[in-house]
């Protein structure tokens, strides 16, 4: 699934009126995290020709920051999304509306940066 698809579905899930609002927030936030990670990978691939692999999230953030100019602008968004990743993916903890909305905004900024990186063509970090 692409970064765009994850982010779009996150928005749809969050916007869907339902009696199960609390679980929906967690699903939407989890999808936003996946979308943000996929977008960060797309930026790194477009600018550096590589993506971060492994469990060390700090390395992924550092790699993104080196994928200039887009990565340095959105590295804090990836850092925030990674900060809630365990909570929304592995724990049965409810996510607030504010956390969910922030995650979707962060993922959308990462997605926009990925589109910018891809549209300017392959190349080396500027």
C-alpha atoms as a PDB file:
ATOM      1  CA  UNK A   1       0.000   0.000   0.000  1.00  0.00           C
ATOM      2  CA  UNK A   2       1.323   3.450  -0.855  1.00  0.00           C
ATOM      3  CA  UNK A   3       1.844   6.367   1.495  1.00  0.00           C
ATOM      4  CA  UNK A   4      -1.020   8.198  -0.224  1.00  0.00           C
ATOM      5  CA  UNK A   5      -3.372   5.251   0.326  1.00  0.00           C
ATOM      6  CA  UNK A   6      -2.491   4.947   4.024  1.00  0.00           C
ATOM      7  CA  UNK A   7      -3.059   8.667   4.602  1.00  0.00           C
ATOM      8  CA  UNK A   8      -6.304   8.709   2.603  1.00  0.00           C
ATOM      9  CA  UNK A   9      -7.708   5.740   4.491  1.00  0.00           C
ATOM     10  CA  UNK A  10      -6.631   7.291   7.810  1.00  0.00           C
ATOM     11  CA  UNK A  11      -8.650  10.388   6.952  1.00  0.00           C
ATOM     12  CA  UNK A  12     -11.650   8.306   5.882  1.00  0.00           C
ATOM     13  CA  UNK A  13     -11.615   6.185   9.030  1.00  0.00           C
ATOM     14  CA  UNK A  14     -11.275   9.226  11.269  1.00  0.00           C
ATOM     15  CA  UNK A  15     -14.069  11.105   9.476  1.00  0.00           C
ATOM     16  CA  UNK A  16     -16.495   8.159   9.469  1.00  0.00           C
ATOM     17  CA  UNK A  17     -19.342   8.783  11.922  1.00  0.00           C
ATOM     18  CA  UNK A  18     -19.758   5.713  14.081  1.00  0.00           C
ATOM     19  CA  UNK A  19     -20.549   4.637  17.603  1.00  0.00           C
ATOM     20  CA  UNK A  20     -17.038   3.208  17.833  1.00  0.00           C
ATOM     21  CA  UNK A  21     -15.292   6.581  17.827  1.00  0.00           C
ATOM     22  CA  UNK A  22     -12.562   5.645  20.288  1.00  0.00           C
ATOM     23  CA  UNK A  23     -11.282   2.575  18.394  1.00  0.00           C
ATOM     24  CA  UNK A  24     -11.516   4.510  15.128  1.00  0.00           C
ATOM     25  CA  UNK A  25      -9.042   7.076  16.430  1.00  0.00           C
ATOM     26  CA  UNK A  26      -6.477   4.362  17.071  1.00  0.00           C
ATOM     27  CA  UNK A  27      -6.978   2.839  13.633  1.00  0.00           C
ATOM     28  CA  UNK A  28      -6.728   6.245  11.944  1.00  0.00           C
ATOM     29  CA  UNK A  29      -3.595   7.145  13.910  1.00  0.00           C
ATOM     30  CA  UNK A  30      -1.995   3.760  13.137  1.00  0.00           C
ATOM     31  CA  UNK A  31      -2.677   4.245   9.420  1.00  0.00           C
ATOM     32  CA  UNK A  32      -1.248   7.769   9.585  1.00  0.00           C
ATOM     33  CA  UNK A  33       1.934   6.380  11.149  1.00  0.00           C
ATOM     34  CA  UNK A  34       2.251   3.804   8.358  1.00  0.00           C
ATOM     35  CA  UNK A  35       1.614   6.499   5.752  1.00  0.00           C
ATOM     36  CA  UNK A  36       4.237   8.765   7.262  1.00  0.00           C
ATOM     37  CA  UNK A  37       6.815   5.980   7.349  1.00  0.00           C
ATOM     38  CA  UNK A  38       6.050   5.057   3.732  1.00  0.00           C
ATOM     39  CA  UNK A  39       6.361   8.717   2.703  1.00  0.00           C
ATOM     40  CA  UNK A  40       9.685   9.041   4.525  1.00  0.00           C
ATOM     41  CA  UNK A  41      10.927   5.949   2.698  1.00  0.00           C
ATOM     42  CA  UNK A  42       9.822   7.475  -0.611  1.00  0.00           C
ATOM     43  CA  UNK A  43      11.727  10.689   0.136  1.00  0.00           C
ATOM     44  CA  UNK A  44      14.880   8.751   1.052  1.00  0.00           C
ATOM     45  CA  UNK A  45      14.584   6.558  -2.017  1.00  0.00           C
ATOM     46  CA  UNK A  46      14.105   9.553  -4.333  1.00  0.00           C
ATOM     47  CA  UNK A  47      16.933  11.592  -2.839  1.00  0.00           C
ATOM     48  CA  UNK A  48      19.404   9.003  -1.553  1.00  0.00           C
ATOM     49  CA  UNK A  49      18.581   5.769  -3.357  1.00  0.00           C
ATOM     50  CA  UNK A  50      18.164   3.945  -0.048  1.00  0.00           C
ATOM     51  CA  UNK A  51      15.741   3.502   2.815  1.00  0.00           C
ATOM     52  CA  UNK A  52      16.248   2.803   6.483  1.00  0.00           C
ATOM     53  CA  UNK A  53      15.795  -0.799   7.585  1.00  0.00           C
ATOM     54  CA  UNK A  54      15.675  -2.151  11.092  1.00  0.00           C
ATOM     55  CA  UNK A  55      14.275  -1.254  14.458  1.00  0.00           C
ATOM     56  CA  UNK A  56      16.414   1.801  15.228  1.00  0.00           C
ATOM     57  CA  UNK A  57      14.043   4.663  14.543  1.00  0.00           C
ATOM     58  CA  UNK A  58      16.727   7.252  15.249  1.00  0.00           C
ATOM     59  CA  UNK A  59      18.630   6.003  12.194  1.00  0.00           C
ATOM     60  CA  UNK A  60      15.513   6.420  10.048  1.00  0.00           C
ATOM     61  CA  UNK A  61      15.077  10.007  11.238  1.00  0.00           C
ATOM     62  CA  UNK A  62      18.761  10.758  10.608  1.00  0.00           C
ATOM     63  CA  UNK A  63      18.582   9.271   7.119  1.00  0.00           C
ATOM     64  CA  UNK A  64      15.469  11.311   6.342  1.00  0.00           C
ATOM     65  CA  UNK A  65      17.149  14.483   7.593  1.00  0.00           C
ATOM     66  CA  UNK A  66      19.994  13.893   5.114  1.00  0.00           C
ATOM     67  CA  UNK A  67      17.541  13.610   2.191  1.00  0.00           C
ATOM     68  CA  UNK A  68      17.586  17.300   1.346  1.00  0.00           C
ATOM     69  CA  UNK A  69      15.723  19.478   0.896  1.00  0.00           C
ATOM     70  CA  UNK A  70      12.460  17.680   1.693  1.00  0.00           C
ATOM     71  CA  UNK A  71      13.683  15.362   4.435  1.00  0.00           C
ATOM     72  CA  UNK A  72      15.187  18.065   6.593  1.00  0.00           C
ATOM     73  CA  UNK A  73      11.853  19.940   6.545  1.00  0.00           C
ATOM     74  CA  UNK A  74       9.762  16.983   7.735  1.00  0.00           C
ATOM     75  CA  UNK A  75      12.092  15.003   9.987  1.00  0.00           C
ATOM     76  CA  UNK A  76      10.277  16.303  13.089  1.00  0.00           C
ATOM     77  CA  UNK A  77       6.991  14.988  11.664  1.00  0.00           C
ATOM     78  CA  UNK A  78       8.493  11.505  11.293  1.00  0.00           C
ATOM     79  CA  UNK A  79       9.950  11.723  14.792  1.00  0.00           C
ATOM     80  CA  UNK A  80       6.519  12.558  16.248  1.00  0.00           C
ATOM     81  CA  UNK A  81       4.821   9.747  14.323  1.00  0.00           C
ATOM     82  CA  UNK A  82       7.446   7.261  15.465  1.00  0.00           C
ATOM     83  CA  UNK A  83       6.856   8.507  19.000  1.00  0.00           C
ATOM     84  CA  UNK A  84       3.278   7.190  18.923  1.00  0.00           C
ATOM     85  CA  UNK A  85       3.963   4.098  16.799  1.00  0.00           C
ATOM     86  CA  UNK A  86       4.162   1.610  19.670  1.00  0.00           C
ATOM     87  CA  UNK A  87       1.094   3.119  21.342  1.00  0.00           C
ATOM     88  CA  UNK A  88      -1.114   2.845  18.260  1.00  0.00           C
ATOM     89  CA  UNK A  89       0.259  -0.407  16.845  1.00  0.00           C
ATOM     90  CA  UNK A  90       1.077  -2.583  19.822  1.00  0.00           C
ATOM     91  CA  UNK A  91      -0.777  -1.343  22.893  1.00  0.00           C
ATOM     92  CA  UNK A  92      -4.443  -1.231  23.734  1.00  0.00           C
ATOM     93  CA  UNK A  93      -4.307   2.426  24.696  1.00  0.00           C
ATOM     94  CA  UNK A  94      -6.924   4.870  23.499  1.00  0.00           C
ATOM     95  CA  UNK A  95      -5.714   7.707  21.326  1.00  0.00           C
ATOM     96  CA  UNK A  96      -7.113  11.195  21.791  1.00  0.00           C
ATOM     97  CA  UNK A  97      -8.726  13.158  18.992  1.00  0.00           C
ATOM     98  CA  UNK A  98      -5.886  15.695  19.185  1.00  0.00           C
ATOM     99  CA  UNK A  99      -3.252  12.940  18.828  1.00  0.00           C
ATOM    100  CA  UNK A 100      -5.083  11.441  15.874  1.00  0.00           C
ATOM    101  CA  UNK A 101      -5.512  14.780  14.128  1.00  0.00           C
ATOM    102  CA  UNK A 102      -1.843  15.624  14.704  1.00  0.00           C
ATOM    103  CA  UNK A 103      -0.751  12.248  13.313  1.00  0.00           C
ATOM    104  CA  UNK A 104      -2.817  12.775  10.182  1.00  0.00           C
ATOM    105  CA  UNK A 105      -1.386  16.296   9.709  1.00  0.00           C
ATOM    106  CA  UNK A 106       2.170  14.997  10.151  1.00  0.00           C
ATOM    107  CA  UNK A 107       1.603  12.173   7.691  1.00  0.00           C
ATOM    108  CA  UNK A 108       0.121  14.615   5.171  1.00  0.00           C
ATOM    109  CA  UNK A 109       3.198  16.866   5.423  1.00  0.00           C
ATOM    110  CA  UNK A 110       5.460  13.860   4.870  1.00  0.00           C
ATOM    111  CA  UNK A 111       3.326  12.793   1.906  1.00  0.00           C
ATOM    112  CA  UNK A 112       3.513  16.276   0.357  1.00  0.00           C
ATOM    113  CA  UNK A 113       7.292  16.233   0.762  1.00  0.00           C
ATOM    114  CA  UNK A 114       7.448  12.781  -0.868  1.00  0.00           C
ATOM    115  CA  UNK A 115       5.443  14.073  -3.832  1.00  0.00           C
ATOM    116  CA  UNK A 116       7.860  17.020  -4.122  1.00  0.00           C
ATOM    117  CA  UNK A 117      10.867  14.696  -4.008  1.00  0.00           C
ATOM    118  CA  UNK A 118       9.408  12.341  -6.594  1.00  0.00           C
ATOM    119  CA  UNK A 119       8.287  15.117  -8.944  1.00  0.00           C
ATOM    120  CA  UNK A 120      11.698  16.735  -9.060  1.00  0.00           C
ATOM    121  CA  UNK A 121      13.122  13.497 -10.374  1.00  0.00           C
ATOM    122  CA  UNK A 122      15.780  11.120  -9.155  1.00  0.00           C
ATOM    123  CA  UNK A 123      18.946  12.556  -7.927  1.00  0.00           C
ATOM    124  CA  UNK A 124      21.304  13.186  -5.159  1.00  0.00           C
ATOM    125  CA  UNK A 125      20.402  15.170  -2.098  1.00  0.00           C
ATOM    126  CA  UNK A 126      20.622  18.888  -2.795  1.00  0.00           C
END
